[in-house]
Amino acid sequence: MGTTPGSFTYDGECPILGASENPSKLRVREEGTIQSVVDAADQLDWQEQAACRDYDNILFFGPDQGESEIEKQAREARAKMVCQGCPVAEPCLEFAMETNQKYGIWGGLTDKERASLKRRRARARRAS
């Protein structure tokens, strides 16, 4: 099997999973790392239980334009109330943190609150 940095060629057998895995169900995540699409879907199963599924996305992401700061604060407070009762708020927040979601309320936090949490986590890691 010939490879170059950051790539691989498929010669009939997956170098990590072996011949039994269907190559059409695999995807490259990082250099040489393969993840089953089924595994990736399992990681998003929490979305089926999310309390926000019963609400319009505008509540969590806001309108495209024309929202005053007061309207935004009120909308975000309503969205956070939905998140407070959500059984999957933690995996939702972790998904947003891992995928660098730049907009919206995820796991009960705004984009600015998630950025702040990310900085605090980084400081804590450096300190330990």
N, C-alpha and C. Protein backbone atom coordinates (compact mmCIF):
# COMPACT_ATOMS: atom_id res chain seq x y z
N MET A 1 0.85 -1.17 0.00
CA MET A 1 0.00 0.00 0.00
C MET A 1 0.89 1.23 0.00
N GLY A 2 0.77 2.09 -0.99
CA GLY A 2 1.57 3.30 -1.04
C GLY A 2 0.83 4.47 -0.44
N THR A 3 1.55 5.25 0.35
CA THR A 3 0.92 6.42 0.95
C THR A 3 1.84 7.61 0.86
N THR A 4 1.24 8.76 0.92
CA THR A 4 1.98 10.00 1.07
C THR A 4 1.49 10.63 2.35
N PRO A 5 2.24 11.54 2.94
CA PRO A 5 1.80 12.15 4.19
C PRO A 5 0.39 12.75 4.04
N GLY A 6 -0.48 12.37 5.00
CA GLY A 6 -1.83 12.90 5.01
C GLY A 6 -2.81 12.18 4.11
N SER A 7 -2.40 11.04 3.52
CA SER A 7 -3.31 10.31 2.64
C SER A 7 -3.05 8.82 2.74
N PHE A 8 -3.96 8.03 2.16
CA PHE A 8 -3.72 6.61 2.06
C PHE A 8 -4.44 6.10 0.83
N THR A 9 -4.01 4.94 0.36
CA THR A 9 -4.69 4.31 -0.77
C THR A 9 -5.37 3.07 -0.27
N TYR A 10 -6.48 2.73 -0.88
CA TYR A 10 -7.26 1.56 -0.48
C TYR A 10 -6.94 0.43 -1.44
N ASP A 11 -6.44 -0.69 -0.92
CA ASP A 11 -6.08 -1.81 -1.78
C ASP A 11 -6.92 -3.05 -1.51
N GLY A 12 -8.13 -2.85 -1.00
CA GLY A 12 -9.03 -3.97 -0.77
C GLY A 12 -9.18 -4.33 0.69
N GLU A 13 -8.27 -3.90 1.53
CA GLU A 13 -8.39 -4.18 2.95
C GLU A 13 -8.06 -2.92 3.72
N CYS A 14 -8.90 -2.57 4.63
CA CYS A 14 -8.67 -1.38 5.45
C CYS A 14 -7.47 -1.65 6.36
N PRO A 15 -6.47 -0.77 6.37
CA PRO A 15 -5.27 -1.01 7.17
C PRO A 15 -5.54 -1.00 8.67
N ILE A 16 -6.65 -0.42 9.10
CA ILE A 16 -6.96 -0.34 10.53
C ILE A 16 -8.04 -1.34 10.91
N LEU A 17 -9.11 -1.41 10.10
CA LEU A 17 -10.25 -2.23 10.45
C LEU A 17 -10.23 -3.61 9.83
N GLY A 18 -9.42 -3.83 8.83
CA GLY A 18 -9.36 -5.13 8.18
C GLY A 18 -10.32 -5.25 7.02
N ALA A 19 -10.36 -6.42 6.40
CA ALA A 19 -11.12 -6.64 5.17
C ALA A 19 -12.62 -6.65 5.40
N SER A 20 -13.08 -6.89 6.61
CA SER A 20 -14.51 -7.05 6.83
C SER A 20 -15.28 -5.72 6.78
N GLU A 21 -14.62 -4.61 6.94
CA GLU A 21 -15.30 -3.31 6.94
C GLU A 21 -15.55 -2.85 5.51
N ASN A 22 -16.73 -2.37 5.22
CA ASN A 22 -17.10 -1.85 3.91
C ASN A 22 -16.46 -0.48 3.73
N PRO A 23 -15.59 -0.29 2.73
CA PRO A 23 -14.89 0.99 2.58
C PRO A 23 -15.84 2.14 2.29
N SER A 24 -17.05 1.89 1.79
CA SER A 24 -17.98 2.98 1.53
C SER A 24 -18.55 3.55 2.81
N LYS A 25 -18.36 2.84 3.94
CA LYS A 25 -18.84 3.32 5.23
C LYS A 25 -17.73 3.92 6.06
N LEU A 26 -16.61 4.22 5.44
CA LEU A 26 -15.49 4.81 6.15
C LEU A 26 -15.24 6.21 5.66
N ARG A 27 -14.65 7.03 6.50
CA ARG A 27 -14.24 8.36 6.08
C ARG A 27 -12.95 8.72 6.81
N VAL A 28 -12.15 9.54 6.18
CA VAL A 28 -10.90 9.98 6.78
C VAL A 28 -11.20 11.15 7.70
N ARG A 29 -10.76 11.07 8.94
CA ARG A 29 -10.93 12.16 9.89
C ARG A 29 -9.70 13.04 9.91
N GLU A 30 -8.58 12.47 10.17
CA GLU A 30 -7.32 13.19 10.22
C GLU A 30 -6.31 12.33 9.49
N GLU A 31 -5.09 12.75 9.44
CA GLU A 31 -4.07 11.99 8.74
C GLU A 31 -4.06 10.54 9.19
N GLY A 32 -4.47 9.65 8.31
CA GLY A 32 -4.41 8.24 8.59
C GLY A 32 -5.44 7.72 9.57
N THR A 33 -6.30 8.55 10.13
CA THR A 33 -7.30 8.12 11.09
C THR A 33 -8.61 7.90 10.37
N ILE A 34 -9.22 6.76 10.61
CA ILE A 34 -10.47 6.42 9.94
C ILE A 34 -11.55 6.23 11.00
N GLN A 35 -12.74 6.71 10.70
CA GLN A 35 -13.87 6.56 11.60
C GLN A 35 -15.05 6.02 10.81
N SER A 36 -15.75 5.09 11.36
CA SER A 36 -16.94 4.57 10.72
C SER A 36 -18.02 5.64 10.71
N VAL A 37 -18.75 5.77 9.60
CA VAL A 37 -19.84 6.72 9.51
C VAL A 37 -20.91 6.35 10.53
N VAL A 38 -21.08 5.06 10.79
CA VAL A 38 -22.05 4.61 11.79
C VAL A 38 -21.65 5.15 13.16
N ASP A 39 -20.36 5.09 13.50
CA ASP A 39 -19.89 5.64 14.78
C ASP A 39 -20.15 7.13 14.86
N ALA A 40 -19.93 7.85 13.78
CA ALA A 40 -20.16 9.29 13.77
C ALA A 40 -21.64 9.59 14.00
N ALA A 41 -22.51 8.82 13.39
CA ALA A 41 -23.95 9.02 13.58
C ALA A 41 -24.35 8.74 15.02
N ASP A 42 -23.74 7.73 15.63
CA ASP A 42 -24.04 7.41 17.03
C ASP A 42 -23.68 8.58 17.95
N GLN A 43 -22.65 9.33 17.59
CA GLN A 43 -22.23 10.46 18.40
C GLN A 43 -23.24 11.60 18.37
N LEU A 44 -24.14 11.60 17.40
CA LEU A 44 -25.15 12.65 17.27
C LEU A 44 -26.54 12.18 17.68
N ASP A 45 -26.66 10.98 18.23
CA ASP A 45 -27.95 10.45 18.66
C ASP A 45 -28.63 11.35 19.69
N TRP A 46 -27.86 12.08 20.45
CA TRP A 46 -28.42 12.96 21.47
C TRP A 46 -29.40 13.97 20.88
N GLN A 47 -29.22 14.32 19.61
CA GLN A 47 -30.09 15.31 18.97
C GLN A 47 -31.54 14.86 18.94
N GLU A 48 -31.78 13.56 18.90
CA GLU A 48 -33.15 13.04 18.87
C GLU A 48 -33.89 13.36 20.16
N GLN A 49 -33.18 13.56 21.25
CA GLN A 49 -33.78 13.81 22.56
C GLN A 49 -33.74 15.28 22.95
N ALA A 50 -33.22 16.13 22.09
CA ALA A 50 -33.03 17.54 22.42
C ALA A 50 -34.37 18.28 22.57
N ALA A 51 -34.49 19.05 23.63
CA ALA A 51 -35.70 19.82 23.89
C ALA A 51 -35.95 20.87 22.80
N CYS A 52 -34.91 21.34 22.16
CA CYS A 52 -35.04 22.39 21.15
C CYS A 52 -35.70 21.91 19.87
N ARG A 53 -35.84 20.60 19.70
CA ARG A 53 -36.46 20.07 18.48
C ARG A 53 -37.89 20.57 18.30
N ASP A 54 -38.54 20.96 19.38
CA ASP A 54 -39.93 21.42 19.32
C ASP A 54 -40.05 22.92 19.07
N TYR A 55 -38.93 23.59 18.85
CA TYR A 55 -38.92 25.04 18.69
C TYR A 55 -38.34 25.45 17.34
N ASP A 56 -38.67 26.64 16.92
CA ASP A 56 -38.13 27.20 15.68
C ASP A 56 -36.66 27.56 15.91
N ASN A 57 -35.82 27.34 14.91
CA ASN A 57 -34.39 27.66 15.00
C ASN A 57 -34.13 29.13 15.31
N ILE A 58 -35.05 30.00 14.94
CA ILE A 58 -34.85 31.43 15.18
C ILE A 58 -34.66 31.70 16.67
N LEU A 59 -35.33 30.93 17.53
CA LEU A 59 -35.18 31.12 18.97
C LEU A 59 -33.72 30.95 19.39
N PHE A 60 -33.03 30.02 18.79
CA PHE A 60 -31.65 29.70 19.20
C PHE A 60 -30.58 30.42 18.38
N PHE A 61 -30.93 30.81 17.15
CA PHE A 61 -29.94 31.44 16.27
C PHE A 61 -30.28 32.87 15.91
N GLY A 62 -31.48 33.31 16.20
CA GLY A 62 -31.88 34.69 15.89
C GLY A 62 -32.24 34.89 14.44
N PRO A 63 -32.89 36.01 14.16
CA PRO A 63 -33.23 36.32 12.77
C PRO A 63 -31.98 36.75 12.01
N ASP A 64 -32.07 36.75 10.69
CA ASP A 64 -30.93 37.15 9.86
C ASP A 64 -30.53 38.60 10.11
N GLN A 65 -31.52 39.44 10.38
CA GLN A 65 -31.22 40.87 10.60
C GLN A 65 -32.39 41.52 11.34
N GLY A 66 -32.17 42.71 11.83
CA GLY A 66 -33.23 43.51 12.41
C GLY A 66 -33.54 43.22 13.87
N GLU A 67 -32.64 42.58 14.59
CA GLU A 67 -32.89 42.30 16.01
C GLU A 67 -32.11 43.30 16.86
N SER A 68 -32.81 44.01 17.72
CA SER A 68 -32.13 44.95 18.62
C SER A 68 -31.43 44.16 19.73
N GLU A 69 -30.54 44.80 20.44
CA GLU A 69 -29.82 44.15 21.52
C GLU A 69 -30.79 43.68 22.61
N ILE A 70 -31.80 44.48 22.92
CA ILE A 70 -32.79 44.10 23.93
C ILE A 70 -33.58 42.88 23.47
N GLU A 71 -33.97 42.86 22.20
CA GLU A 71 -34.69 41.71 21.65
C GLU A 71 -33.80 40.46 21.67
N LYS A 72 -32.54 40.64 21.35
CA LYS A 72 -31.59 39.53 21.35
C LYS A 72 -31.44 38.95 22.75
N GLN A 73 -31.30 39.80 23.74
CA GLN A 73 -31.15 39.34 25.12
C GLN A 73 -32.38 38.57 25.58
N ALA A 74 -33.56 39.06 25.24
CA ALA A 74 -34.81 38.39 25.62
C ALA A 74 -34.92 37.03 24.92
N ARG A 75 -34.59 36.99 23.62
CA ARG A 75 -34.66 35.74 22.87
C ARG A 75 -33.68 34.73 23.44
N GLU A 76 -32.45 35.17 23.71
CA GLU A 76 -31.44 34.26 24.26
C GLU A 76 -31.85 33.74 25.63
N ALA A 77 -32.49 34.56 26.43
CA ALA A 77 -32.96 34.12 27.75
C ALA A 77 -34.03 33.03 27.59
N ARG A 78 -34.93 33.21 26.62
CA ARG A 78 -35.96 32.18 26.36
C ARG A 78 -35.31 30.88 25.88
N ALA A 79 -34.33 31.00 25.00
CA ALA A 79 -33.64 29.81 24.50
C ALA A 79 -32.92 29.08 25.63
N LYS A 80 -32.28 29.82 26.50
CA LYS A 80 -31.57 29.22 27.63
C LYS A 80 -32.52 28.50 28.57
N MET A 81 -33.75 29.00 28.69
CA MET A 81 -34.74 28.33 29.53
C MET A 81 -35.09 26.96 28.95
N VAL A 82 -35.17 26.88 27.63
CA VAL A 82 -35.42 25.59 26.98
C VAL A 82 -34.26 24.65 27.30
N CYS A 83 -33.05 25.15 27.20
CA CYS A 83 -31.85 24.33 27.44
C CYS A 83 -31.78 23.85 28.90
N GLN A 84 -32.27 24.65 29.83
CA GLN A 84 -32.20 24.26 31.24
C GLN A 84 -32.94 22.96 31.51
N GLY A 85 -34.03 22.73 30.80
CA GLY A 85 -34.79 21.51 31.01
C GLY A 85 -34.44 20.41 30.03
N CYS A 86 -33.40 20.60 29.25
CA CYS A 86 -33.05 19.63 28.21
C CYS A 86 -32.23 18.48 28.79
N PRO A 87 -32.61 17.24 28.47
CA PRO A 87 -31.86 16.09 29.00
C PRO A 87 -30.50 15.88 28.33
N VAL A 88 -30.25 16.57 27.22
CA VAL A 88 -28.98 16.37 26.50
C VAL A 88 -28.20 17.68 26.35
N ALA A 89 -28.36 18.59 27.29
CA ALA A 89 -27.66 19.88 27.21
C ALA A 89 -26.15 19.69 27.22
N GLU A 90 -25.65 18.75 28.01
CA GLU A 90 -24.20 18.56 28.10
C GLU A 90 -23.59 18.06 26.78
N PRO A 91 -24.13 16.99 26.17
CA PRO A 91 -23.54 16.59 24.88
C PRO A 91 -23.74 17.66 23.80
N CYS A 92 -24.80 18.42 23.89
CA CYS A 92 -25.03 19.51 22.94
C CYS A 92 -23.92 20.55 23.06
N LEU A 93 -23.64 20.94 24.30
CA LEU A 93 -22.57 21.93 24.53
C LEU A 93 -21.22 21.38 24.07
N GLU A 94 -20.93 20.13 24.39
CA GLU A 94 -19.65 19.55 23.99
C GLU A 94 -19.54 19.47 22.47
N PHE A 95 -20.63 19.14 21.79
CA PHE A 95 -20.63 19.12 20.32
C PHE A 95 -20.27 20.51 19.80
N ALA A 96 -20.91 21.54 20.34
CA ALA A 96 -20.65 22.91 19.89
C ALA A 96 -19.20 23.31 20.15
N MET A 97 -18.66 22.89 21.28
CA MET A 97 -17.27 23.23 21.61
C MET A 97 -16.30 22.49 20.68
N GLU A 98 -16.56 21.21 20.43
CA GLU A 98 -15.67 20.40 19.59
C GLU A 98 -15.71 20.81 18.13
N THR A 99 -16.86 21.31 17.67
CA THR A 99 -17.00 21.67 16.26
C THR A 99 -16.93 23.17 16.03
N ASN A 100 -16.58 23.92 17.08
CA ASN A 100 -16.40 25.37 17.00
C ASN A 100 -17.60 26.09 16.40
N GLN A 101 -18.78 25.80 16.92
CA GLN A 101 -19.99 26.48 16.46
C GLN A 101 -19.88 27.96 16.84
N LYS A 102 -19.96 28.82 15.86
CA LYS A 102 -19.75 30.26 16.07
C LYS A 102 -21.03 31.02 16.38
N TYR A 103 -22.19 30.41 16.12
CA TYR A 103 -23.45 31.12 16.28
C TYR A 103 -24.44 30.28 17.07
N GLY A 104 -25.34 30.96 17.73
CA GLY A 104 -26.47 30.30 18.37
C GLY A 104 -26.24 29.89 19.80
N ILE A 105 -27.34 29.45 20.40
CA ILE A 105 -27.33 28.91 21.76
C ILE A 105 -27.17 27.40 21.63
N TRP A 106 -26.14 26.87 22.25
CA TRP A 106 -25.87 25.44 22.25
C TRP A 106 -25.62 25.03 23.69
N GLY A 107 -26.35 24.05 24.18
CA GLY A 107 -26.13 23.58 25.55
C GLY A 107 -26.35 24.67 26.59
N GLY A 108 -27.15 25.66 26.25
CA GLY A 108 -27.46 26.73 27.19
C GLY A 108 -26.48 27.88 27.21
N LEU A 109 -25.52 27.89 26.30
CA LEU A 109 -24.53 28.98 26.27
C LEU A 109 -24.53 29.69 24.92
N THR A 110 -24.29 30.99 24.96
CA THR A 110 -24.16 31.79 23.74
C THR A 110 -22.77 31.56 23.15
N ASP A 111 -22.55 32.10 21.97
CA ASP A 111 -21.23 31.99 21.34
C ASP A 111 -20.15 32.63 22.19
N LYS A 112 -20.45 33.77 22.80
CA LYS A 112 -19.46 34.44 23.66
C LYS A 112 -19.19 33.64 24.92
N GLU A 113 -20.24 33.05 25.49
CA GLU A 113 -20.06 32.24 26.69
C GLU A 113 -19.26 30.97 26.39
N ARG A 114 -19.48 30.38 25.22
CA ARG A 114 -18.70 29.19 24.83
C ARG A 114 -17.24 29.56 24.62
N ALA A 115 -16.98 30.70 24.01
CA ALA A 115 -15.59 31.15 23.80
C ALA A 115 -14.91 31.36 25.14
N SER A 116 -15.62 31.94 26.09
CA SER A 116 -15.08 32.15 27.42
C SER A 116 -14.79 30.82 28.11
N LEU A 117 -15.71 29.88 28.00
CA LEU A 117 -15.51 28.56 28.59
C LEU A 117 -14.32 27.87 27.95
N LYS A 118 -14.17 28.00 26.66
CA LYS A 118 -13.03 27.39 25.96
C LYS A 118 -11.71 27.96 26.48
N ARG A 119 -11.67 29.28 26.69
CA ARG A 119 -10.45 29.91 27.23
C ARG A 119 -10.17 29.42 28.65
N ARG A 120 -11.22 29.33 29.48
CA ARG A 120 -11.03 28.84 30.86
C ARG A 120 -10.52 27.41 30.87
N ARG A 121 -11.07 26.58 30.00
CA ARG A 121 -10.60 25.19 29.92
C ARG A 121 -9.15 25.12 29.50
N ALA A 122 -8.78 25.95 28.53
CA ALA A 122 -7.38 25.97 28.07
C ALA A 122 -6.44 26.41 29.17
N ARG A 123 -6.84 27.43 29.92
CA ARG A 123 -6.01 27.89 31.06
C ARG A 123 -5.87 26.81 32.10
N ALA A 124 -6.97 26.11 32.40
CA ALA A 124 -6.94 25.04 33.38
C ALA A 124 -6.01 23.91 32.94
N ARG A 125 -6.04 23.57 31.64
CA ARG A 125 -5.16 22.52 31.12
C ARG A 125 -3.70 22.94 31.24
N ARG A 126 -3.42 24.20 30.92
CA ARG A 126 -2.03 24.69 31.00
C ARG A 126 -1.54 24.70 32.45
N ALA A 127 -2.45 25.00 33.38
CA ALA A 127 -2.08 25.10 34.79
C ALA A 127 -1.85 23.72 35.42
N SER A 128 -2.44 22.69 34.85
CA SER A 128 -2.31 21.36 35.46
C SER A 128 -1.11 20.61 34.95
